[in-house]
Amino acid sequence: MDIKQILSEAYVDPVYFARTFVPHWFPASSQDKEWGLCPVSPLHRGVLAILMRRCEFLLRYGDLRWIEENFVYEDDDGEHRIFNLTGPNAPQMHVTKFTLIMLPRGFSKTTCANVANLHNILFQEHPYIAYISETLPHAEMQVDAIKYEMEHNERIKAVFGDRVPKQREGKWTGDFIETRDNVAMVARGGGQQVRGMLRRGQRPTKWIMDDMEDKESVSTDDRRRKRREWYYGDLEPILDELDETATGVALATLLHPEALATYLERDPRYTVVKFGAEDKAGNDLWYKKGKDWLETKKKAYTQAGMLHIFYLEYFNQIRAPETQIFRPEDIMIWPRAVEDTERRAIAWDPAISQASKSDHPAISVCGMTDKGIIHFYEVNVLARNATVDEQLEEFFRMVREWDVDADLHGFESISFQMVLDKMLKEWMFRKNWFFNPVKITHQHEKIGRIRGALGPRYRAGYITHQKRFPVYEGQLLDFPGGKLDGPDSAAMAVSLLDPAAPLASEAGEALAEDQFEPLEDVLGPDWRKY
């Protein structure tokens, strides 16, 4: 392919541009290396399309439906798609003059911004670009990344020629570069002087504000207010109002409920694209991270009592600690011997489907002390792909280990009736352990029964744990968002001990009629597919 063809392809297709000139900016998987490509995921292709203000190149690659379904924005009329890639009049893209792209930390939004900036400079699409970050050193690092490629990237020099000015003084510094063909880029830190940032009488035609805040700048009301004043009073007006091609793009990870990003998110002039670490189908947003990385992160944040930070960093969601129904300080670890509880119950909430958003099977064993304390010996949230045999094996192990009372073996009734009847009888003979199963039915929705059966007891200090149960604790602290498998099985186990439930109330407190009622819920016929 000759240079003219390379230039033509690189101009229309930023993915081709990235793979040809800066493949080292996108670490490759073993498969990508085998194919001789650097990976540019559908997530990053969509981000590049927004940054470049063009979407035709997306048709060259797959995952068009994924991009359509996951790149969405909301307004007063509901949710809308950014891209139309498969329908009539495709391809089309809806973006306004200002765009906010919210991604979890570590998802390469800065790399995409650098690709767009380098492309804009080499093809002279924006004569004057401003790169804004929380601190000047961070902004200068990104300008330096552009400088380095233009100075040392032999592919760029071979195709685009030498764009570095001969006399670099004043034109090729840490916070300002100007190419031989008079394309300039300036770096600024958050809160710095940007008023009057004219270059030969010309305002910037594009600004990118990347990671506009850090933990320090959102730490007080005063600092957050000053950052908003700086943005609306200084930064936003630097674009020429009459230039229809001038554009501003903010890239952010949410750091605080009152961060600048939350105000831009509500600004009707902004097209807002917000991602968490999972896509709309519940799959990892970016395959590079691996299958279990998110759950591992969540466990760590949960044990540190920082689940609200986890949701800010990885889902751009606000979960205020003061609104949590279950709090870290409510979870008390207090190992007990089996004989310390008078009766012990086990509840099993089976699950069969392995779909990404389906339930996990969960089994809980709890007992009640003579003081009315509910003690969880074990809350086991199994893998989604656990077979029925594996679930039964774990169930009988827990029954024997914690010496569960023969009349307190509970099962979620719909699954029990439909799937487990014959298998359960077979396993009783196999394990030589016989009991009368309690079929737990439900009259109230899952969130309500968890809230009623567990919430008051945890708050009153009438529940203890044998040890740390990271997955279960994470689901408790996440309640009512996220998965409910562990809490649901725990609530069912508590319901089996209901005859002694009055012992679990605070001294002198009358229990509400529905506060500790038996768990019941009539679920629809299509609740699970078997």
Protein backbone atom coordinates (compact mmCIF):
# COMPACT_ATOMS: atom_id res chain seq x y z
CA MET A 1 0.00 0.00 0.00
CA ASP A 2 1.48 3.37 -0.99
CA ILE A 3 1.56 6.45 1.21
CA LYS A 4 -1.52 8.02 -0.42
CA GLN A 5 -3.57 4.90 0.32
CA ILE A 6 -2.31 4.78 3.91
CA LEU A 7 -3.22 8.44 4.40
CA SER A 8 -6.65 7.90 2.91
CA GLU A 9 -7.38 4.88 5.13
CA ALA A 10 -5.98 6.54 8.24
CA TYR A 11 -8.06 9.68 7.70
CA VAL A 12 -11.44 7.94 7.49
CA ASP A 13 -10.72 5.19 10.02
CA PRO A 14 -9.20 6.05 13.44
CA VAL A 15 -9.00 2.33 14.27
CA TYR A 16 -6.77 1.80 11.25
CA PHE A 17 -4.84 4.91 12.26
CA ALA A 18 -4.27 3.55 15.80
CA ARG A 19 -3.28 0.09 14.61
CA THR A 20 -0.90 1.51 11.99
CA PHE A 21 0.84 4.28 13.91
CA VAL A 22 0.43 3.70 17.67
CA PRO A 23 -0.27 -0.03 18.22
CA HIS A 24 1.86 0.14 21.40
CA TRP A 25 -0.83 2.30 23.00
CA PHE A 26 -3.19 -0.72 22.96
CA PRO A 27 -1.61 -3.76 24.72
CA ALA A 28 -2.44 -6.85 22.68
CA SER A 29 -3.81 -10.19 23.80
CA SER A 30 -2.19 -13.39 22.52
CA GLN A 31 -4.91 -13.74 19.86
CA ASP A 32 -4.39 -10.17 18.66
CA LYS A 33 -0.66 -10.79 18.42
CA GLU A 34 -1.31 -13.91 16.36
CA TRP A 35 -3.44 -11.86 13.98
CA GLY A 36 -0.90 -9.06 13.93
CA LEU A 37 -3.35 -6.49 15.28
CA CYS A 38 -3.57 -4.23 18.29
CA PRO A 39 -6.94 -4.59 20.06
CA VAL A 40 -9.48 -1.80 19.72
CA SER A 41 -12.61 -3.06 21.48
CA PRO A 42 -16.17 -2.08 20.47
CA LEU A 43 -16.23 0.16 23.55
CA HIS A 44 -13.17 2.08 22.36
CA ARG A 45 -14.37 2.17 18.74
CA GLY A 46 -17.54 3.89 19.92
CA VAL A 47 -15.57 6.34 22.07
CA LEU A 48 -13.28 7.13 19.13
CA ALA A 49 -16.30 7.75 16.92
CA ILE A 50 -17.62 10.33 19.39
CA LEU A 51 -14.21 11.97 19.85
CA MET A 52 -13.66 12.10 16.08
CA ARG A 53 -17.25 13.09 15.24
CA ARG A 54 -17.53 10.38 12.57
CA CYS A 55 -19.03 6.91 12.59
CA GLU A 56 -18.77 5.50 9.04
CA PHE A 57 -15.66 3.49 9.95
CA LEU A 58 -17.65 1.49 12.52
CA LEU A 59 -19.32 -0.39 9.66
CA ARG A 60 -15.97 -1.99 8.85
CA TYR A 61 -15.98 -3.91 12.11
CA GLY A 62 -18.32 -6.15 14.08
CA ASP A 63 -20.39 -5.64 17.24
CA LEU A 64 -22.63 -3.04 15.59
CA ARG A 65 -25.64 -4.11 17.64
CA TRP A 66 -23.58 -3.98 20.83
CA ILE A 67 -22.47 -0.43 20.06
CA GLU A 68 -26.02 0.65 19.26
CA GLU A 69 -27.45 -0.85 22.45
CA ASN A 70 -24.76 0.33 24.86
CA PHE A 71 -23.98 3.84 23.62
CA VAL A 72 -27.10 5.65 24.79
CA TYR A 73 -28.07 9.00 26.26
CA GLU A 74 -31.12 10.14 28.21
CA ASP A 75 -33.30 13.22 28.06
CA ASP A 76 -36.79 14.14 29.22
CA ASP A 77 -38.27 11.79 26.62
CA GLY A 78 -36.34 8.76 27.83
CA GLU A 79 -33.35 6.78 26.57
CA HIS A 80 -32.02 7.18 23.04
CA ARG A 81 -29.26 5.58 21.02
CA ILE A 82 -26.20 7.56 19.97
CA PHE A 83 -25.62 5.45 16.88
CA ASN A 84 -27.81 4.07 14.12
CA LEU A 85 -25.59 1.51 12.40
CA THR A 86 -27.98 -1.25 11.29
CA GLY A 87 -31.29 0.50 10.63
CA PRO A 88 -32.62 2.77 7.91
CA ASN A 89 -30.44 5.72 6.92
CA ALA A 90 -27.40 4.16 8.66
CA PRO A 91 -24.82 5.18 9.62
CA GLN A 92 -25.85 8.07 11.84
CA MET A 93 -24.57 9.50 15.11
CA HIS A 94 -26.23 11.95 17.50
CA VAL A 95 -23.88 14.18 19.49
CA THR A 96 -24.18 17.81 20.51
CA LYS A 97 -21.53 20.54 20.77
CA PHE A 98 -20.60 19.32 24.25
CA THR A 99 -20.16 15.66 25.17
CA LEU A 100 -19.56 13.95 28.51
CA ILE A 101 -18.15 10.40 28.42
CA MET A 102 -18.10 8.70 31.83
CA LEU A 103 -15.99 5.54 32.08
CA PRO A 104 -14.55 3.60 35.03
CA ARG A 105 -10.98 4.38 35.97
CA GLY A 106 -8.45 2.36 33.99
CA PHE A 107 -10.63 1.88 30.90
CA SER A 108 -8.29 3.76 28.51
CA LYS A 109 -10.33 6.92 28.00
CA THR A 110 -7.10 8.97 28.07
CA THR A 111 -5.56 6.70 25.41
CA CYS A 112 -8.57 7.25 23.15
CA ALA A 113 -8.28 11.01 23.71
CA ASN A 114 -4.61 10.90 22.71
CA VAL A 115 -5.42 8.96 19.52
CA ALA A 116 -8.03 11.57 18.60
CA ASN A 117 -5.67 14.47 19.37
CA LEU A 118 -2.79 12.96 17.39
CA HIS A 119 -5.12 12.30 14.46
CA ASN A 120 -6.50 15.86 14.63
CA ILE A 121 -2.99 17.34 14.64
CA LEU A 122 -1.53 15.21 11.85
CA PHE A 123 -4.53 15.73 9.57
CA GLN A 124 -4.87 19.42 10.61
CA GLU A 125 -8.55 18.97 11.53
CA HIS A 126 -8.38 21.36 14.49
CA PRO A 127 -5.85 24.20 14.26
CA TYR A 128 -5.85 24.82 18.01
CA ILE A 129 -6.60 22.18 20.69
CA ALA A 130 -6.70 22.67 24.46
CA TYR A 131 -6.05 19.65 26.67
CA ILE A 132 -7.31 20.17 30.24
CA SER A 133 -6.69 17.86 33.19
CA GLU A 134 -6.94 18.14 36.97
CA THR A 135 -3.27 19.10 37.26
CA LEU A 136 -0.89 20.72 34.80
CA PRO A 137 1.70 17.88 35.11
CA HIS A 138 -0.92 15.33 34.04
CA ALA A 139 -1.98 17.49 31.10
CA GLU A 140 1.67 18.00 30.11
CA MET A 141 2.21 14.23 30.19
CA GLN A 142 -0.44 13.78 27.50
CA VAL A 143 0.98 16.58 25.37
CA ASP A 144 4.38 14.94 25.83
CA ALA A 145 2.94 11.64 24.54
CA ILE A 146 1.96 13.45 21.33
CA LYS A 147 5.36 15.16 21.12
CA TYR A 148 7.22 11.88 21.56
CA GLU A 149 5.38 10.15 18.72
CA MET A 150 5.95 13.06 16.36
CA GLU A 151 9.65 13.17 17.25
CA HIS A 152 10.47 9.44 17.32
CA ASN A 153 7.74 7.44 15.54
CA GLU A 154 9.35 6.45 12.25
CA ARG A 155 6.03 5.40 10.70
CA ILE A 156 4.53 8.81 11.38
CA LYS A 157 7.57 10.61 9.95
CA ALA A 158 7.60 8.37 6.87
CA VAL A 159 3.93 8.98 6.07
CA PHE A 160 3.27 12.49 7.39
CA GLY A 161 6.74 13.94 7.15
CA ASP A 162 8.63 15.78 9.87
CA ARG A 163 6.16 18.11 11.58
CA VAL A 164 8.47 19.13 14.44
CA PRO A 165 9.58 22.78 14.09
CA LYS A 166 13.26 23.48 13.62
CA GLN A 167 13.36 26.27 16.15
CA ARG A 168 11.60 24.68 19.12
CA GLU A 169 11.97 27.50 21.61
CA GLY A 170 8.55 28.84 22.47
CA LYS A 171 6.82 26.39 20.11
CA TRP A 172 7.74 22.98 21.49
CA THR A 173 7.57 23.24 25.26
CA GLY A 174 6.05 21.20 28.07
CA ASP A 175 2.66 22.90 27.93
CA PHE A 176 2.55 24.10 24.31
CA ILE A 177 3.41 22.62 20.94
CA GLU A 178 3.04 24.09 17.46
CA THR A 179 3.82 22.04 14.36
CA ARG A 180 5.49 23.23 11.19
CA ASP A 181 2.06 23.51 9.57
CA ASN A 182 0.78 25.75 12.38
CA VAL A 183 -1.37 23.27 14.30
CA ALA A 184 -1.12 23.90 18.05
CA MET A 185 -1.99 22.13 21.28
CA VAL A 186 -1.88 23.64 24.75
CA ALA A 187 -1.98 21.94 28.17
CA ARG A 188 -3.72 23.41 31.20
CA GLY A 189 -4.49 22.22 34.71
CA GLY A 190 -7.87 22.51 36.41
CA GLY A 191 -8.44 26.00 37.77
CA GLN A 192 -5.59 27.55 35.76
CA GLN A 193 -5.91 30.72 33.72
CA VAL A 194 -7.62 29.96 30.40
CA ARG A 195 -9.32 33.28 29.70
CA GLY A 196 -7.94 35.12 26.71
CA MET A 197 -6.14 31.99 25.49
CA LEU A 198 -5.94 33.34 21.95
CA ARG A 199 -3.38 32.23 19.41
CA ARG A 200 -2.91 34.80 16.66
CA GLY A 201 -6.40 36.02 17.39
CA GLN A 202 -7.92 32.53 17.23
CA ARG A 203 -9.70 30.69 20.02
CA PRO A 204 -9.27 26.92 20.50
CA THR A 205 -11.55 24.94 18.19
CA LYS A 206 -11.61 21.95 20.52
CA TRP A 207 -11.01 21.27 24.17
CA ILE A 208 -10.78 17.91 25.89
CA MET A 209 -11.19 17.91 29.65
CA ASP A 210 -9.82 14.59 30.92
CA ASP A 211 -10.15 13.56 34.59
CA MET A 212 -11.17 17.09 35.52
CA GLU A 213 -11.16 16.36 39.26
CA ASP A 214 -9.26 14.28 41.79
CA LYS A 215 -9.97 13.29 45.39
CA GLU A 216 -8.50 16.53 46.70
CA SER A 217 -10.51 18.86 44.47
CA VAL A 218 -13.84 17.24 45.49
CA SER A 219 -13.00 17.00 49.20
CA THR A 220 -14.85 20.17 50.35
CA ASP A 221 -17.91 22.16 49.33
CA ASP A 222 -15.75 25.21 48.68
CA ARG A 223 -13.37 23.39 46.32
CA ARG A 224 -16.22 21.82 44.39
CA ARG A 225 -17.94 25.20 44.03
CA LYS A 226 -14.72 26.86 42.82
CA ARG A 227 -14.24 24.15 40.20
CA ARG A 228 -17.78 24.70 38.89
CA GLU A 229 -17.18 28.47 38.78
CA TRP A 230 -13.96 27.92 36.85
CA TYR A 231 -15.63 25.61 34.35
CA TYR A 232 -18.70 27.71 33.61
CA GLY A 233 -16.97 31.08 33.94
CA ASP A 234 -13.60 30.36 32.33
CA LEU A 235 -13.20 27.08 30.42
CA GLU A 236 -16.45 26.62 28.56
CA PRO A 237 -16.44 30.14 27.00
CA ILE A 238 -13.00 29.71 25.39
CA LEU A 239 -14.67 28.07 22.36
CA ASP A 240 -15.91 30.35 19.59
CA GLU A 241 -19.71 30.45 19.93
CA LEU A 242 -20.09 31.13 16.20
CA ASP A 243 -17.92 28.20 15.10
CA GLU A 244 -20.30 25.29 14.56
CA THR A 245 -17.39 22.84 14.31
CA ALA A 246 -15.93 23.85 17.70
CA THR A 247 -16.48 21.16 20.30
CA GLY A 248 -15.83 20.34 23.94
CA VAL A 249 -15.47 16.81 25.32
CA ALA A 250 -15.29 15.91 29.00
CA LEU A 251 -13.94 12.50 30.04
CA ALA A 252 -14.64 11.61 33.65
CA THR A 253 -14.92 9.03 36.39
CA LEU A 254 -17.40 10.03 39.09
CA LEU A 255 -15.65 10.90 42.37
CA HIS A 256 -18.35 12.55 44.48
CA PRO A 257 -22.14 13.07 44.47
CA GLU A 258 -21.51 16.81 43.94
CA ALA A 259 -18.63 16.50 41.48
CA LEU A 260 -18.56 18.67 38.37
CA ALA A 261 -19.50 15.65 36.24
CA THR A 262 -22.88 15.41 37.99
CA TYR A 263 -23.68 18.98 36.94
CA LEU A 264 -22.58 18.37 33.35
CA GLU A 265 -24.67 15.20 33.36
CA ARG A 266 -27.77 17.33 34.04
CA ASP A 267 -26.80 20.05 31.54
CA PRO A 268 -29.29 19.83 28.61
CA ARG A 269 -26.60 21.00 26.17
CA TYR A 270 -24.52 17.89 26.83
CA THR A 271 -24.75 14.49 25.18
CA VAL A 272 -23.93 12.17 28.09
CA VAL A 273 -22.64 8.62 27.65
CA LYS A 274 -22.20 6.80 30.94
CA PHE A 275 -20.70 3.35 31.39
CA GLY A 276 -20.11 1.07 34.33
CA ALA A 277 -17.75 -1.89 34.36
CA GLU A 278 -20.49 -4.10 32.89
CA ASP A 279 -22.49 -3.64 29.72
CA LYS A 280 -26.28 -3.68 29.55
CA ALA A 281 -26.30 -7.50 29.34
CA GLY A 282 -24.25 -7.82 32.53
CA ASN A 283 -21.04 -8.86 30.76
CA ASP A 284 -17.61 -7.33 31.35
CA LEU A 285 -17.45 -4.05 29.47
CA TRP A 286 -13.86 -4.68 28.40
CA TYR A 287 -12.61 -8.22 27.86
CA LYS A 288 -9.05 -7.29 28.82
CA LYS A 289 -10.01 -7.25 32.49
CA GLY A 290 -10.82 -10.95 32.77
CA LYS A 291 -13.81 -12.82 34.16
CA ASP A 292 -13.52 -12.40 37.93
CA TRP A 293 -11.71 -9.11 38.35
CA LEU A 294 -14.83 -7.09 39.18
CA GLU A 295 -16.09 -9.46 41.85
CA THR A 296 -12.62 -9.53 43.42
CA LYS A 297 -12.56 -5.72 43.51
CA LYS A 298 -16.02 -5.59 45.02
CA LYS A 299 -15.07 -8.03 47.80
CA ALA A 300 -12.04 -5.92 48.69
CA TYR A 301 -14.05 -2.68 48.80
CA THR A 302 -16.83 -4.39 50.76
CA GLN A 303 -14.49 -5.66 53.47
CA ALA A 304 -13.02 -2.17 53.76
CA GLY A 305 -16.50 -0.64 54.16
CA MET A 306 -15.97 1.32 50.95
CA LEU A 307 -18.68 -0.13 48.72
CA HIS A 308 -19.92 3.39 47.86
CA ILE A 309 -16.42 4.18 46.50
CA PHE A 310 -16.53 0.98 44.42
CA TYR A 311 -19.72 2.15 42.72
CA LEU A 312 -18.30 5.60 42.07
CA GLU A 313 -15.06 4.28 40.58
CA TYR A 314 -16.41 1.35 38.57
CA PHE A 315 -20.04 2.18 37.81
CA ASN A 316 -20.24 5.98 37.98
CA GLN A 317 -23.12 5.52 40.40
CA ILE A 318 -23.84 7.37 43.61
CA ARG A 319 -24.52 5.10 46.57
CA ALA A 320 -24.54 7.25 49.70
CA PRO A 321 -23.41 5.27 52.81
CA GLU A 322 -26.00 7.01 54.97
CA THR A 323 -28.81 5.54 52.86
CA GLN A 324 -27.66 1.94 53.20
CA ILE A 325 -30.13 -0.40 54.84
CA PHE A 326 -27.32 -2.74 55.88
CA ARG A 327 -24.15 -1.04 57.14
CA PRO A 328 -20.63 -2.41 57.65
CA GLU A 329 -20.85 -1.75 61.39
CA ASP A 330 -23.99 -3.93 61.57
CA ILE A 331 -22.04 -7.05 60.52
CA MET A 332 -20.58 -8.64 63.65
CA ILE A 333 -18.17 -11.57 63.50
CA TRP A 334 -18.67 -13.83 66.53
CA PRO A 335 -17.63 -17.49 66.13
CA ARG A 336 -19.89 -19.90 67.98
CA ALA A 337 -19.93 -23.64 68.54
CA VAL A 338 -22.85 -25.67 67.20
CA GLU A 339 -24.16 -26.28 70.72
CA ASP A 340 -24.34 -22.52 71.35
CA THR A 341 -27.62 -22.39 69.39
CA GLU A 342 -30.72 -24.29 70.38
CA ARG A 343 -32.08 -24.86 66.89
CA ARG A 344 -30.48 -24.62 63.46
CA ALA A 345 -32.15 -24.19 60.08
CA ILE A 346 -30.95 -24.43 56.50
CA ALA A 347 -32.50 -22.74 53.47
CA TRP A 348 -31.62 -23.39 49.88
CA ASP A 349 -32.51 -21.13 46.98
CA PRO A 350 -31.65 -23.25 43.91
CA ALA A 351 -30.78 -21.81 40.52
CA ILE A 352 -30.45 -23.57 37.21
CA SER A 353 -29.92 -20.97 34.49
CA GLN A 354 -26.35 -19.93 33.59
CA ALA A 355 -27.33 -16.71 31.81
CA SER A 356 -25.23 -13.70 32.78
CA LYS A 357 -28.08 -11.96 34.63
CA SER A 358 -29.64 -15.04 36.20
CA ASP A 359 -29.59 -15.89 39.91
CA HIS A 360 -26.82 -17.69 41.74
CA PRO A 361 -27.77 -20.67 43.91
CA ALA A 362 -27.37 -19.87 47.59
CA ILE A 363 -27.55 -21.91 50.81
CA SER A 364 -27.68 -20.48 54.34
CA VAL A 365 -27.45 -22.11 57.79
CA CYS A 366 -28.42 -20.17 60.87
CA GLY A 367 -29.29 -20.91 64.48
CA MET A 368 -30.86 -19.06 67.39
CA THR A 369 -29.29 -18.71 70.83
CA ASP A 370 -31.24 -18.76 74.08
CA LYS A 371 -30.95 -14.94 74.02
CA GLY A 372 -32.72 -14.70 70.69
CA ILE A 373 -29.57 -13.94 68.67
CA ILE A 374 -29.68 -15.21 65.08
CA HIS A 375 -26.27 -16.63 64.20
CA PHE A 376 -25.24 -17.43 60.63
CA TYR A 377 -22.84 -20.36 60.60
CA GLU A 378 -22.55 -20.26 56.84
CA VAL A 379 -23.96 -18.30 53.89
CA ASN A 380 -22.74 -19.88 50.68
CA VAL A 381 -23.38 -18.16 47.36
CA LEU A 382 -22.37 -20.73 44.76
CA ALA A 383 -21.16 -20.16 41.22
CA ARG A 384 -23.85 -19.48 38.66
CA ASN A 385 -22.81 -22.58 36.68
CA ALA A 386 -23.08 -24.94 39.68
CA THR A 387 -25.03 -28.04 38.65
CA VAL A 388 -27.95 -29.35 40.70
CA ASP A 389 -25.75 -32.25 41.88
CA GLU A 390 -23.10 -29.78 43.03
CA GLN A 391 -25.73 -27.75 44.85
CA LEU A 392 -27.09 -30.88 46.54
CA GLU A 393 -23.60 -31.99 47.56
CA GLU A 394 -22.98 -28.64 49.21
CA PHE A 395 -26.40 -28.67 50.84
CA PHE A 396 -25.85 -32.07 52.51
CA ARG A 397 -22.33 -31.07 53.58
CA MET A 398 -23.69 -28.02 55.36
CA VAL A 399 -26.56 -30.03 56.92
CA ARG A 400 -24.13 -32.48 58.51
CA GLU A 401 -21.46 -29.93 59.47
CA TRP A 402 -23.90 -27.73 61.36
CA ASP A 403 -26.24 -30.46 62.64
CA VAL A 404 -29.40 -28.90 61.21
CA ASP A 405 -32.71 -29.85 62.87
CA ALA A 406 -34.59 -32.44 60.83
CA ASP A 407 -37.74 -30.31 60.54
CA LEU A 408 -35.92 -27.09 59.52
CA HIS A 409 -34.71 -27.92 56.00
CA GLY A 410 -36.22 -25.27 53.74
CA PHE A 411 -36.38 -24.88 49.98
CA GLU A 412 -37.66 -22.19 47.68
CA SER A 413 -40.88 -23.89 46.74
CA ILE A 414 -41.26 -23.32 43.02
CA SER A 415 -37.82 -24.71 42.20
CA PHE A 416 -38.33 -27.57 44.68
CA GLN A 417 -41.60 -28.67 43.12
CA MET A 418 -40.44 -28.37 39.53
CA VAL A 419 -36.92 -29.75 39.63
CA LEU A 420 -35.73 -31.29 42.86
CA ASP A 421 -38.37 -33.70 44.17
CA LYS A 422 -37.03 -36.97 42.78
CA MET A 423 -33.39 -35.94 43.00
CA LEU A 424 -33.77 -34.95 46.64
CA LYS A 425 -35.25 -38.31 47.62
CA GLU A 426 -32.42 -40.09 45.83
CA TRP A 427 -29.83 -38.01 47.70
CA MET A 428 -31.48 -38.72 51.05
CA PHE A 429 -30.95 -42.44 50.51
CA ARG A 430 -27.46 -41.86 49.16
CA LYS A 431 -26.44 -39.76 52.16
CA ASN A 432 -28.51 -41.72 54.70
CA TRP A 433 -29.98 -38.49 55.99
CA PHE A 434 -33.75 -38.20 56.07
CA PHE A 435 -35.94 -35.19 56.77
CA ASN A 436 -39.23 -33.56 55.86
CA PRO A 437 -38.52 -30.64 53.54
CA VAL A 438 -40.21 -27.34 54.32
CA LYS A 439 -41.55 -25.76 51.16
CA ILE A 440 -41.08 -22.03 51.54
CA THR A 441 -43.53 -20.02 49.46
CA HIS A 442 -43.72 -16.26 49.15
CA GLN A 443 -46.47 -13.66 49.09
CA HIS A 444 -44.25 -10.58 48.97
CA GLU A 445 -41.53 -9.48 46.59
CA LYS A 446 -37.93 -10.40 47.31
CA ILE A 447 -36.68 -6.96 48.36
CA GLY A 448 -39.53 -6.57 50.83
CA ARG A 449 -38.97 -9.90 52.55
CA ILE A 450 -35.21 -9.33 52.86
CA ARG A 451 -35.80 -5.87 54.27
CA GLY A 452 -38.37 -7.19 56.78
CA ALA A 453 -36.64 -10.37 57.89
CA LEU A 454 -33.03 -9.12 58.08
CA GLY A 455 -33.03 -5.32 58.27
CA PRO A 456 -34.34 -4.77 61.82
CA ARG A 457 -32.30 -7.64 63.24
CA TYR A 458 -29.00 -6.40 61.81
CA ARG A 459 -29.72 -2.86 62.99
CA ALA A 460 -30.60 -4.07 66.48
CA GLY A 461 -27.45 -6.19 66.75
CA TYR A 462 -29.39 -9.46 66.84
CA ILE A 463 -27.46 -11.16 64.04
CA THR A 464 -23.88 -12.45 64.19
CA HIS A 465 -21.66 -14.22 61.66
CA GLN A 466 -19.40 -17.20 62.18
CA LYS A 467 -16.76 -15.63 59.88
CA ARG A 468 -16.45 -13.30 56.94
CA PHE A 469 -18.79 -14.14 54.06
CA PRO A 470 -17.45 -11.72 51.41
CA VAL A 471 -19.99 -12.35 48.65
CA TYR A 472 -22.96 -12.31 51.03
CA GLU A 473 -21.70 -9.21 52.85
CA GLY A 474 -21.21 -7.44 49.54
CA GLN A 475 -24.78 -8.24 48.53
CA LEU A 476 -26.06 -7.01 51.91
CA LEU A 477 -24.20 -3.71 51.69
CA ASP A 478 -25.28 -3.37 48.07
CA PHE A 479 -28.95 -3.92 48.92
CA PRO A 480 -31.36 -3.24 47.28
CA GLY A 481 -29.12 -2.95 44.22
CA GLY A 482 -27.18 -5.82 42.70
CA LYS A 483 -27.65 -9.51 43.37
CA LEU A 484 -29.93 -10.70 46.17
CA ASP A 485 -29.21 -14.45 46.21
CA GLY A 486 -27.34 -14.62 49.53
CA PRO A 487 -29.70 -12.30 51.43
CA ASP A 488 -32.72 -14.15 50.05
CA SER A 489 -31.52 -17.54 51.24
CA ALA A 490 -30.55 -15.99 54.60
CA ALA A 491 -34.02 -14.48 54.97
CA MET A 492 -35.57 -17.85 54.20
CA ALA A 493 -33.42 -19.53 56.84
CA VAL A 494 -34.48 -16.94 59.41
CA SER A 495 -38.12 -17.52 58.52
CA LEU A 496 -37.77 -21.19 59.52
CA LEU A 497 -36.91 -20.02 63.05
CA ASP A 498 -39.93 -17.69 63.19
CA PRO A 499 -41.65 -19.48 66.10
CA ALA A 500 -38.87 -18.05 68.31
CA ALA A 501 -38.64 -14.72 66.45
CA PRO A 502 -39.96 -12.51 69.31
CA LEU A 503 -36.70 -13.23 71.16
CA ALA A 504 -34.88 -11.24 68.47
CA SER A 505 -36.55 -7.88 69.16
CA GLU A 506 -34.99 -5.08 71.12
CA ALA A 507 -35.98 -4.88 74.77
CA GLY A 508 -39.49 -3.51 75.13
CA GLU A 509 -39.96 -3.16 71.35
CA ALA A 510 -43.19 -4.45 69.87
CA LEU A 511 -42.69 -6.20 66.56
CA ALA A 512 -44.65 -4.85 63.62
CA GLU A 513 -47.12 -7.29 62.19
CA ASP A 514 -45.13 -7.79 58.99
CA GLN A 515 -41.65 -7.19 60.38
CA PHE A 516 -40.65 -10.81 60.80
CA GLU A 517 -43.40 -12.56 58.87
CA PRO A 518 -42.75 -15.90 57.10
CA LEU A 519 -41.24 -15.40 53.65
CA GLU A 520 -43.73 -15.81 50.82
CA ASP A 521 -43.73 -14.71 47.24
CA VAL A 522 -45.72 -15.97 44.26
CA LEU A 523 -43.34 -15.65 41.30
CA GLY A 524 -44.41 -15.59 37.66
CA PRO A 525 -44.34 -18.73 35.48
CA ASP A 526 -41.41 -17.47 33.42
CA TRP A 527 -39.22 -16.67 36.44
CA ARG A 528 -36.77 -19.41 35.57
CA LYS A 529 -36.29 -21.46 32.44
CA TYR A 530 -35.46 -25.11 33.01
